[in-house]
């Protein structure tokens, strides 16, 4: 069977799970067009940890890790199974390569996982193994971790980084149709670097006033996890939401 790509998904606000939009349509098309994975290994911006952890929970719960949204959002369940054997195997292999990590048997699925996967695989019929984002990891460390796991693509395992290509919550305008041109310019610049100069992309903090687009880095770093697993980038979807949230989806082969 053909090797699966790696994906970077901008998951936006938790309300993505309820939306029907160009972004959710793009996610649905990916799920329909790719060969069905044997499992998903996903890094979400919403699981930061002291060291690298890998979820080995056989039945991870749907964690509504947010507040202040409509009641129907808290009713959503995404009952995909975990795959403890895969998690244990990955932890063993990474440890053998000198990468400090451990399994976490109780981790639930945060919205960075289930909100986009609800559109990608709405039947929740692909097992999920989540990897954490260690607090001391930078773009290079995430890239190197993705490279360590790249071989999983040959085993019909889909690697996903889930974050946001731009993420400044202070600039959000919930009902606005306007576009934050500062955020748009950044994502276009970064995409160009991904296409022509990966070292420059990894050095993304060279971008002037990058803090105006990413006041913290956790939502961008999963991009570099996906990049490490597949060097050649192609654009699946580009848009902006809520004025300042870039909703781009990239494929890496």
C-alpha atoms as a PDB file:
ATOM      1  CA  UNK A   1       0.000   0.000   0.000  1.00  0.00           C
ATOM      2  CA  UNK A   2       1.041   3.593  -0.581  1.00  0.00           C
ATOM      3  CA  UNK A   3       2.899   5.403   2.191  1.00  0.00           C
ATOM      4  CA  UNK A   4       0.636   7.722   4.165  1.00  0.00           C
ATOM      5  CA  UNK A   5       1.565  11.401   4.451  1.00  0.00           C
ATOM      6  CA  UNK A   6       2.015  13.365   7.638  1.00  0.00           C
ATOM      7  CA  UNK A   7      -0.436  16.199   8.261  1.00  0.00           C
ATOM      8  CA  UNK A   8      -0.417  19.528  10.034  1.00  0.00           C
ATOM      9  CA  UNK A   9      -3.929  20.595  11.013  1.00  0.00           C
ATOM     10  CA  UNK A  10      -4.900  24.024  12.315  1.00  0.00           C
ATOM     11  CA  UNK A  11      -7.668  23.041  14.717  1.00  0.00           C
ATOM     12  CA  UNK A  12      -8.880  26.533  15.602  1.00  0.00           C
ATOM     13  CA  UNK A  13     -11.425  27.007  18.371  1.00  0.00           C
ATOM     14  CA  UNK A  14     -13.199  24.011  19.977  1.00  0.00           C
ATOM     15  CA  UNK A  15     -16.292  25.055  18.006  1.00  0.00           C
ATOM     16  CA  UNK A  16     -14.619  23.480  14.961  1.00  0.00           C
ATOM     17  CA  UNK A  17     -16.239  20.231  16.100  1.00  0.00           C
ATOM     18  CA  UNK A  18     -19.711  21.706  15.453  1.00  0.00           C
ATOM     19  CA  UNK A  19     -18.915  23.663  12.300  1.00  0.00           C
ATOM     20  CA  UNK A  20     -19.586  23.013   8.658  1.00  0.00           C
ATOM     21  CA  UNK A  21     -17.037  25.167   6.878  1.00  0.00           C
ATOM     22  CA  UNK A  22     -14.356  25.101   4.219  1.00  0.00           C
ATOM     23  CA  UNK A  23     -11.940  23.828   6.890  1.00  0.00           C
ATOM     24  CA  UNK A  24     -14.172  20.976   8.005  1.00  0.00           C
ATOM     25  CA  UNK A  25     -14.918  20.059   4.381  1.00  0.00           C
ATOM     26  CA  UNK A  26     -11.181  19.851   3.728  1.00  0.00           C
ATOM     27  CA  UNK A  27     -10.764  17.546   6.727  1.00  0.00           C
ATOM     28  CA  UNK A  28     -13.598  15.328   5.512  1.00  0.00           C
ATOM     29  CA  UNK A  29     -12.047  15.074   2.035  1.00  0.00           C
ATOM     30  CA  UNK A  30      -8.722  13.991   3.518  1.00  0.00           C
ATOM     31  CA  UNK A  31     -10.436  11.198   5.426  1.00  0.00           C
ATOM     32  CA  UNK A  32     -12.294  10.096   2.316  1.00  0.00           C
ATOM     33  CA  UNK A  33      -9.311  10.225  -0.035  1.00  0.00           C
ATOM     34  CA  UNK A  34      -6.508   8.700   2.033  1.00  0.00           C
ATOM     35  CA  UNK A  35      -6.229   4.956   2.569  1.00  0.00           C
ATOM     36  CA  UNK A  36      -7.733   4.248   5.969  1.00  0.00           C
ATOM     37  CA  UNK A  37      -4.897   4.286   8.546  1.00  0.00           C
ATOM     38  CA  UNK A  38      -4.167   1.421  10.884  1.00  0.00           C
ATOM     39  CA  UNK A  39      -3.717   4.025  13.629  1.00  0.00           C
ATOM     40  CA  UNK A  40      -3.103   7.730  14.189  1.00  0.00           C
ATOM     41  CA  UNK A  41      -0.139   9.131  16.096  1.00  0.00           C
ATOM     42  CA  UNK A  42      -0.904  12.760  16.935  1.00  0.00           C
ATOM     43  CA  UNK A  43       0.816  15.642  18.719  1.00  0.00           C
ATOM     44  CA  UNK A  44      -1.608  18.258  20.039  1.00  0.00           C
ATOM     45  CA  UNK A  45      -0.709  21.740  21.235  1.00  0.00           C
ATOM     46  CA  UNK A  46      -2.923  21.049  24.251  1.00  0.00           C
ATOM     47  CA  UNK A  47      -0.786  18.359  25.862  1.00  0.00           C
ATOM     48  CA  UNK A  48       2.317  20.018  27.219  1.00  0.00           C
ATOM     49  CA  UNK A  49       4.426  17.988  29.624  1.00  0.00           C
ATOM     50  CA  UNK A  50       7.680  18.039  31.538  1.00  0.00           C
ATOM     51  CA  UNK A  51       9.073  15.191  29.416  1.00  0.00           C
ATOM     52  CA  UNK A  52       7.921  13.275  26.370  1.00  0.00           C
ATOM     53  CA  UNK A  53       4.895  11.089  27.122  1.00  0.00           C
ATOM     54  CA  UNK A  54       2.948   8.714  24.908  1.00  0.00           C
ATOM     55  CA  UNK A  55      -0.674   7.894  25.667  1.00  0.00           C
ATOM     56  CA  UNK A  56      -1.292   4.188  26.233  1.00  0.00           C
ATOM     57  CA  UNK A  57      -4.882   4.613  27.410  1.00  0.00           C
ATOM     58  CA  UNK A  58      -6.912   1.830  25.732  1.00  0.00           C
ATOM     59  CA  UNK A  59     -10.153   3.871  25.870  1.00  0.00           C
ATOM     60  CA  UNK A  60      -9.269   7.569  26.129  1.00  0.00           C
ATOM     61  CA  UNK A  61     -12.157   9.749  27.205  1.00  0.00           C
ATOM     62  CA  UNK A  62     -13.301  12.822  25.295  1.00  0.00           C
ATOM     63  CA  UNK A  63     -11.980  15.706  27.367  1.00  0.00           C
ATOM     64  CA  UNK A  64     -13.846  18.997  27.061  1.00  0.00           C
ATOM     65  CA  UNK A  65     -10.803  21.008  28.096  1.00  0.00           C
ATOM     66  CA  UNK A  66     -12.342  24.479  27.753  1.00  0.00           C
ATOM     67  CA  UNK A  67     -15.102  26.616  29.237  1.00  0.00           C
ATOM     68  CA  UNK A  68     -17.645  29.210  28.194  1.00  0.00           C
ATOM     69  CA  UNK A  69     -18.946  27.569  25.023  1.00  0.00           C
ATOM     70  CA  UNK A  70     -22.406  26.384  23.960  1.00  0.00           C
ATOM     71  CA  UNK A  71     -23.828  23.373  25.867  1.00  0.00           C
ATOM     72  CA  UNK A  72     -23.968  21.167  22.761  1.00  0.00           C
ATOM     73  CA  UNK A  73     -20.176  21.296  22.478  1.00  0.00           C
ATOM     74  CA  UNK A  74     -19.875  19.518  25.841  1.00  0.00           C
ATOM     75  CA  UNK A  75     -22.161  16.737  24.649  1.00  0.00           C
ATOM     76  CA  UNK A  76     -19.802  15.655  21.859  1.00  0.00           C
ATOM     77  CA  UNK A  77     -18.111  12.328  22.358  1.00  0.00           C
ATOM     78  CA  UNK A  78     -15.346  10.898  20.185  1.00  0.00           C
ATOM     79  CA  UNK A  79     -15.016   7.295  21.345  1.00  0.00           C
ATOM     80  CA  UNK A  80     -11.969   6.227  19.339  1.00  0.00           C
ATOM     81  CA  UNK A  81      -9.909   3.515  21.003  1.00  0.00           C
ATOM     82  CA  UNK A  82      -6.297   3.834  21.999  1.00  0.00           C
ATOM     83  CA  UNK A  83      -3.610   1.377  20.971  1.00  0.00           C
ATOM     84  CA  UNK A  84      -1.493   0.549  24.049  1.00  0.00           C
ATOM     85  CA  UNK A  85       0.727  -1.945  22.224  1.00  0.00           C
ATOM     86  CA  UNK A  86       1.762   0.693  19.695  1.00  0.00           C
ATOM     87  CA  UNK A  87       2.367   3.244  22.462  1.00  0.00           C
ATOM     88  CA  UNK A  88       4.537   0.820  24.417  1.00  0.00           C
ATOM     89  CA  UNK A  89       6.477  -0.105  21.283  1.00  0.00           C
ATOM     90  CA  UNK A  90       7.148   3.540  20.403  1.00  0.00           C
ATOM     91  CA  UNK A  91       8.250   4.360  23.948  1.00  0.00           C
ATOM     92  CA  UNK A  92      10.619   1.380  23.944  1.00  0.00           C
ATOM     93  CA  UNK A  93      12.112   2.307  20.574  1.00  0.00           C
ATOM     94  CA  UNK A  94      12.588   5.983  21.453  1.00  0.00           C
ATOM     95  CA  UNK A  95      14.131   5.116  24.811  1.00  0.00           C
ATOM     96  CA  UNK A  96      16.551   2.776  23.051  1.00  0.00           C
ATOM     97  CA  UNK A  97      17.588   5.733  20.860  1.00  0.00           C
ATOM     98  CA  UNK A  98      18.336   7.861  23.909  1.00  0.00           C
ATOM     99  CA  UNK A  99      15.106   9.882  23.932  1.00  0.00           C
ATOM    100  CA  UNK A 100      13.638  10.172  27.420  1.00  0.00           C
ATOM    101  CA  UNK A 101       9.965   9.225  27.357  1.00  0.00           C
ATOM    102  CA  UNK A 102       7.305   7.226  29.171  1.00  0.00           C
ATOM    103  CA  UNK A 103       3.783   5.965  28.570  1.00  0.00           C
ATOM    104  CA  UNK A 104       0.744   7.603  30.127  1.00  0.00           C
ATOM    105  CA  UNK A 105      -2.103   5.104  30.665  1.00  0.00           C
ATOM    106  CA  UNK A 106      -4.742   7.651  31.768  1.00  0.00           C
ATOM    107  CA  UNK A 107      -4.449  10.507  29.266  1.00  0.00           C
ATOM    108  CA  UNK A 108      -7.767  11.660  27.746  1.00  0.00           C
ATOM    109  CA  UNK A 109      -8.182  13.121  24.249  1.00  0.00           C
ATOM    110  CA  UNK A 110      -8.088  16.927  24.340  1.00  0.00           C
ATOM    111  CA  UNK A 111      -9.953  19.044  21.789  1.00  0.00           C
ATOM    112  CA  UNK A 112      -6.825  19.450  19.693  1.00  0.00           C
ATOM    113  CA  UNK A 113      -7.311  15.761  18.937  1.00  0.00           C
ATOM    114  CA  UNK A 114     -11.051  15.118  18.778  1.00  0.00           C
ATOM    115  CA  UNK A 115     -12.307  18.383  17.256  1.00  0.00           C
ATOM    116  CA  UNK A 116     -10.492  17.888  13.924  1.00  0.00           C
ATOM    117  CA  UNK A 117     -10.715  14.085  13.980  1.00  0.00           C
ATOM    118  CA  UNK A 118     -14.496  14.317  14.294  1.00  0.00           C
ATOM    119  CA  UNK A 119     -14.464  15.595  10.697  1.00  0.00           C
ATOM    120  CA  UNK A 120     -11.508  13.558   9.467  1.00  0.00           C
ATOM    121  CA  UNK A 121     -12.819  10.199  10.718  1.00  0.00           C
ATOM    122  CA  UNK A 122     -16.377  10.836  11.955  1.00  0.00           C
ATOM    123  CA  UNK A 123     -16.961   7.174  12.842  1.00  0.00           C
ATOM    124  CA  UNK A 124     -14.118   7.336  15.418  1.00  0.00           C
ATOM    125  CA  UNK A 125     -12.951   4.016  13.997  1.00  0.00           C
ATOM    126  CA  UNK A 126      -9.195   4.668  13.801  1.00  0.00           C
ATOM    127  CA  UNK A 127      -7.207   4.052  17.017  1.00  0.00           C
ATOM    128  CA  UNK A 128      -5.348   7.039  18.459  1.00  0.00           C
ATOM    129  CA  UNK A 129      -1.974   7.309  20.156  1.00  0.00           C
ATOM    130  CA  UNK A 130      -1.212  10.820  21.389  1.00  0.00           C
ATOM    131  CA  UNK A 131       2.312  12.099  21.961  1.00  0.00           C
ATOM    132  CA  UNK A 132       2.895  15.049  24.247  1.00  0.00           C
ATOM    133  CA  UNK A 133       4.672  18.315  23.524  1.00  0.00           C
ATOM    134  CA  UNK A 134       7.476  18.591  26.085  1.00  0.00           C
ATOM    135  CA  UNK A 135       7.786  22.109  27.472  1.00  0.00           C
ATOM    136  CA  UNK A 136      11.482  22.269  26.651  1.00  0.00           C
ATOM    137  CA  UNK A 137      11.040  21.237  23.004  1.00  0.00           C
ATOM    138  CA  UNK A 138      11.624  23.810  20.297  1.00  0.00           C
ATOM    139  CA  UNK A 139      11.031  23.554  16.551  1.00  0.00           C
ATOM    140  CA  UNK A 140      14.193  21.502  15.989  1.00  0.00           C
ATOM    141  CA  UNK A 141      13.347  19.000  18.743  1.00  0.00           C
ATOM    142  CA  UNK A 142       9.819  18.548  17.344  1.00  0.00           C
ATOM    143  CA  UNK A 143      11.270  18.113  13.859  1.00  0.00           C
ATOM    144  CA  UNK A 144      13.698  15.484  15.117  1.00  0.00           C
ATOM    145  CA  UNK A 145      10.911  13.603  16.905  1.00  0.00           C
ATOM    146  CA  UNK A 146       8.864  13.579  13.718  1.00  0.00           C
ATOM    147  CA  UNK A 147      11.883  12.231  11.842  1.00  0.00           C
ATOM    148  CA  UNK A 148      12.269   9.450  14.436  1.00  0.00           C
ATOM    149  CA  UNK A 149       8.662   8.389  13.811  1.00  0.00           C
ATOM    150  CA  UNK A 150       8.601   8.921  10.032  1.00  0.00           C
ATOM    151  CA  UNK A 151       8.935   5.205   9.318  1.00  0.00           C
ATOM    152  CA  UNK A 152       5.432   4.717  10.752  1.00  0.00           C
ATOM    153  CA  UNK A 153       4.102   6.197   7.508  1.00  0.00           C
ATOM    154  CA  UNK A 154       5.247   2.977   5.786  1.00  0.00           C
ATOM    155  CA  UNK A 155       3.142   0.992   8.267  1.00  0.00           C
ATOM    156  CA  UNK A 156      -0.169   2.701   7.402  1.00  0.00           C
ATOM    157  CA  UNK A 157       0.001   4.939  10.464  1.00  0.00           C
ATOM    158  CA  UNK A 158      -1.042   8.556   9.999  1.00  0.00           C
ATOM    159  CA  UNK A 159       1.157  11.128  11.743  1.00  0.00           C
ATOM    160  CA  UNK A 160      -0.562  14.412  12.635  1.00  0.00           C
ATOM    161  CA  UNK A 161       0.541  17.646  14.243  1.00  0.00           C
ATOM    162  CA  UNK A 162      -2.484  19.579  15.561  1.00  0.00           C
ATOM    163  CA  UNK A 163      -2.060  23.256  16.420  1.00  0.00           C
ATOM    164  CA  UNK A 164      -2.543  26.517  14.531  1.00  0.00           C
ATOM    165  CA  UNK A 165      -0.502  28.216  11.860  1.00  0.00           C
ATOM    166  CA  UNK A 166      -1.318  31.537  13.580  1.00  0.00           C
ATOM    167  CA  UNK A 167      -2.551  31.797  17.163  1.00  0.00           C
ATOM    168  CA  UNK A 168      -2.933  35.097  18.980  1.00  0.00           C
ATOM    169  CA  UNK A 169      -6.090  34.824  21.084  1.00  0.00           C
ATOM    170  CA  UNK A 170      -5.864  38.485  22.060  1.00  0.00           C
ATOM    171  CA  UNK A 171      -6.496  39.400  18.422  1.00  0.00           C
ATOM    172  CA  UNK A 172      -9.598  37.193  18.008  1.00  0.00           C
ATOM    173  CA  UNK A 173     -12.818  38.789  16.776  1.00  0.00           C
ATOM    174  CA  UNK A 174     -15.470  36.083  16.992  1.00  0.00           C
ATOM    175  CA  UNK A 175     -18.077  37.397  14.560  1.00  0.00           C
ATOM    176  CA  UNK A 176     -15.752  39.268  12.218  1.00  0.00           C
ATOM    177  CA  UNK A 177     -15.342  38.595   8.505  1.00  0.00           C
ATOM    178  CA  UNK A 178     -12.146  40.640   8.502  1.00  0.00           C
ATOM    179  CA  UNK A 179      -8.661  39.152   8.168  1.00  0.00           C
ATOM    180  CA  UNK A 180      -5.676  39.986  10.331  1.00  0.00           C
ATOM    181  CA  UNK A 181      -3.166  40.907   7.640  1.00  0.00           C
ATOM    182  CA  UNK A 182      -0.234  40.537  10.047  1.00  0.00           C
ATOM    183  CA  UNK A 183      -1.178  36.913  10.709  1.00  0.00           C
ATOM    184  CA  UNK A 184      -1.822  36.233   7.018  1.00  0.00           C
ATOM    185  CA  UNK A 185       1.577  37.643   6.032  1.00  0.00           C
ATOM    186  CA  UNK A 186       3.322  35.427   8.584  1.00  0.00           C
ATOM    187  CA  UNK A 187       1.707  32.219   7.411  1.00  0.00           C
ATOM    188  CA  UNK A 188       2.467  32.986   3.770  1.00  0.00           C
ATOM    189  CA  UNK A 189       6.093  33.678   4.687  1.00  0.00           C
ATOM    190  CA  UNK A 190       6.392  30.483   6.715  1.00  0.00           C
ATOM    191  CA  UNK A 191       4.842  28.382   3.948  1.00  0.00           C
ATOM    192  CA  UNK A 192       7.407  29.759   1.518  1.00  0.00           C
ATOM    193  CA  UNK A 193      10.211  28.776   3.903  1.00  0.00           C
ATOM    194  CA  UNK A 194       8.745  25.278   4.240  1.00  0.00           C
ATOM    195  CA  UNK A 195       8.856  24.962   0.459  1.00  0.00           C
ATOM    196  CA  UNK A 196      12.344  26.283  -0.206  1.00  0.00           C
ATOM    197  CA  UNK A 197      14.417  26.456   2.999  1.00  0.00           C
ATOM    198  CA  UNK A 198      13.573  24.132   5.886  1.00  0.00           C
ATOM    199  CA  UNK A 199      16.363  25.478   8.156  1.00  0.00           C
ATOM    200  CA  UNK A 200      14.857  28.953   7.747  1.00  0.00           C
ATOM    201  CA  UNK A 201      11.398  27.586   8.633  1.00  0.00           C
ATOM    202  CA  UNK A 202      12.820  25.972  11.767  1.00  0.00           C
ATOM    203  CA  UNK A 203      14.239  29.393  12.662  1.00  0.00           C
ATOM    204  CA  UNK A 204      10.735  30.893  12.472  1.00  0.00           C
ATOM    205  CA  UNK A 205      11.419  33.278  15.343  1.00  0.00           C
ATOM    206  CA  UNK A 206      13.579  35.297  12.969  1.00  0.00           C
ATOM    207  CA  UNK A 207      10.293  36.725  11.679  1.00  0.00           C
ATOM    208  CA  UNK A 208       9.882  40.363  12.772  1.00  0.00           C
ATOM    209  CA  UNK A 209       7.508  40.732  15.726  1.00  0.00           C
ATOM    210  CA  UNK A 210       6.635  37.023  15.650  1.00  0.00           C
ATOM    211  CA  UNK A 211       5.148  37.439  19.149  1.00  0.00           C
ATOM    212  CA  UNK A 212       2.249  39.318  17.527  1.00  0.00           C
ATOM    213  CA  UNK A 213       1.308  36.074  15.737  1.00  0.00           C
ATOM    214  CA  UNK A 214       2.418  33.492  18.302  1.00  0.00           C
ATOM    215  CA  UNK A 215       2.709  34.999  21.813  1.00  0.00           C
ATOM    216  CA  UNK A 216       3.590  31.432  22.873  1.00  0.00           C
ATOM    217  CA  UNK A 217       4.903  28.691  20.645  1.00  0.00           C
ATOM    218  CA  UNK A 218       2.873  25.589  21.554  1.00  0.00           C
ATOM    219  CA  UNK A 219       0.358  25.933  18.712  1.00  0.00           C
ATOM    220  CA  UNK A 220       3.021  26.214  16.007  1.00  0.00           C
ATOM    221  CA  UNK A 221       5.406  23.491  17.211  1.00  0.00           C
ATOM    222  CA  UNK A 222       3.239  20.532  16.058  1.00  0.00           C
ATOM    223  CA  UNK A 223       3.839  21.809  12.512  1.00  0.00           C
ATOM    224  CA  UNK A 224       7.504  20.883  12.856  1.00  0.00           C
ATOM    225  CA  UNK A 225       6.604  17.421  14.159  1.00  0.00           C
ATOM    226  CA  UNK A 226       4.724  16.817  10.895  1.00  0.00           C
ATOM    227  CA  UNK A 227       7.534  18.391   8.864  1.00  0.00           C
ATOM    228  CA  UNK A 228      10.079  16.032  10.371  1.00  0.00           C
ATOM    229  CA  UNK A 229       8.004  13.061   9.241  1.00  0.00           C
ATOM    230  CA  UNK A 230       7.773  14.184   5.600  1.00  0.00           C
ATOM    231  CA  UNK A 231       9.880  16.870   3.985  1.00  0.00           C
ATOM    232  CA  UNK A 232       7.792  17.905   0.962  1.00  0.00           C
ATOM    233  CA  UNK A 233       4.947  20.270   1.815  1.00  0.00           C
ATOM    234  CA  UNK A 234       1.725  20.760  -0.111  1.00  0.00           C
ATOM    235  CA  UNK A 235      -1.255  22.906   0.835  1.00  0.00           C
ATOM    236  CA  UNK A 236      -4.538  21.101   1.485  1.00  0.00           C
ATOM    237  CA  UNK A 237      -6.437  24.138   2.731  1.00  0.00           C
ATOM    238  CA  UNK A 238      -5.856  27.815   3.525  1.00  0.00           C
ATOM    239  CA  UNK A 239      -8.227  30.191   5.302  1.00  0.00           C
ATOM    240  CA  UNK A 240      -8.580  32.525   8.258  1.00  0.00           C
ATOM    241  CA  UNK A 241     -11.188  32.329  11.032  1.00  0.00           C
ATOM    242  CA  UNK A 242     -12.249  34.732  13.782  1.00  0.00           C
ATOM    243  CA  UNK A 243     -10.043  37.435  12.224  1.00  0.00           C
ATOM    244  CA  UNK A 244      -6.663  36.133  13.427  1.00  0.00           C
ATOM    245  CA  UNK A 245      -6.711  32.313  13.440  1.00  0.00           C
ATOM    246  CA  UNK A 246      -4.995  30.777  10.436  1.00  0.00           C
ATOM    247  CA  UNK A 247      -6.803  27.541   9.611  1.00  0.00           C
ATOM    248  CA  UNK A 248      -4.311  26.090   7.145  1.00  0.00           C
ATOM    249  CA  UNK A 249      -3.886  22.358   6.636  1.00  0.00           C
ATOM    250  CA  UNK A 250      -0.626  21.071   5.160  1.00  0.00           C
ATOM    251  CA  UNK A 251       0.376  17.665   3.881  1.00  0.00           C
ATOM    252  CA  UNK A 252       3.965  16.398   4.115  1.00  0.00           C
ATOM    253  CA  UNK A 253       5.223  13.592   1.851  1.00  0.00           C
END
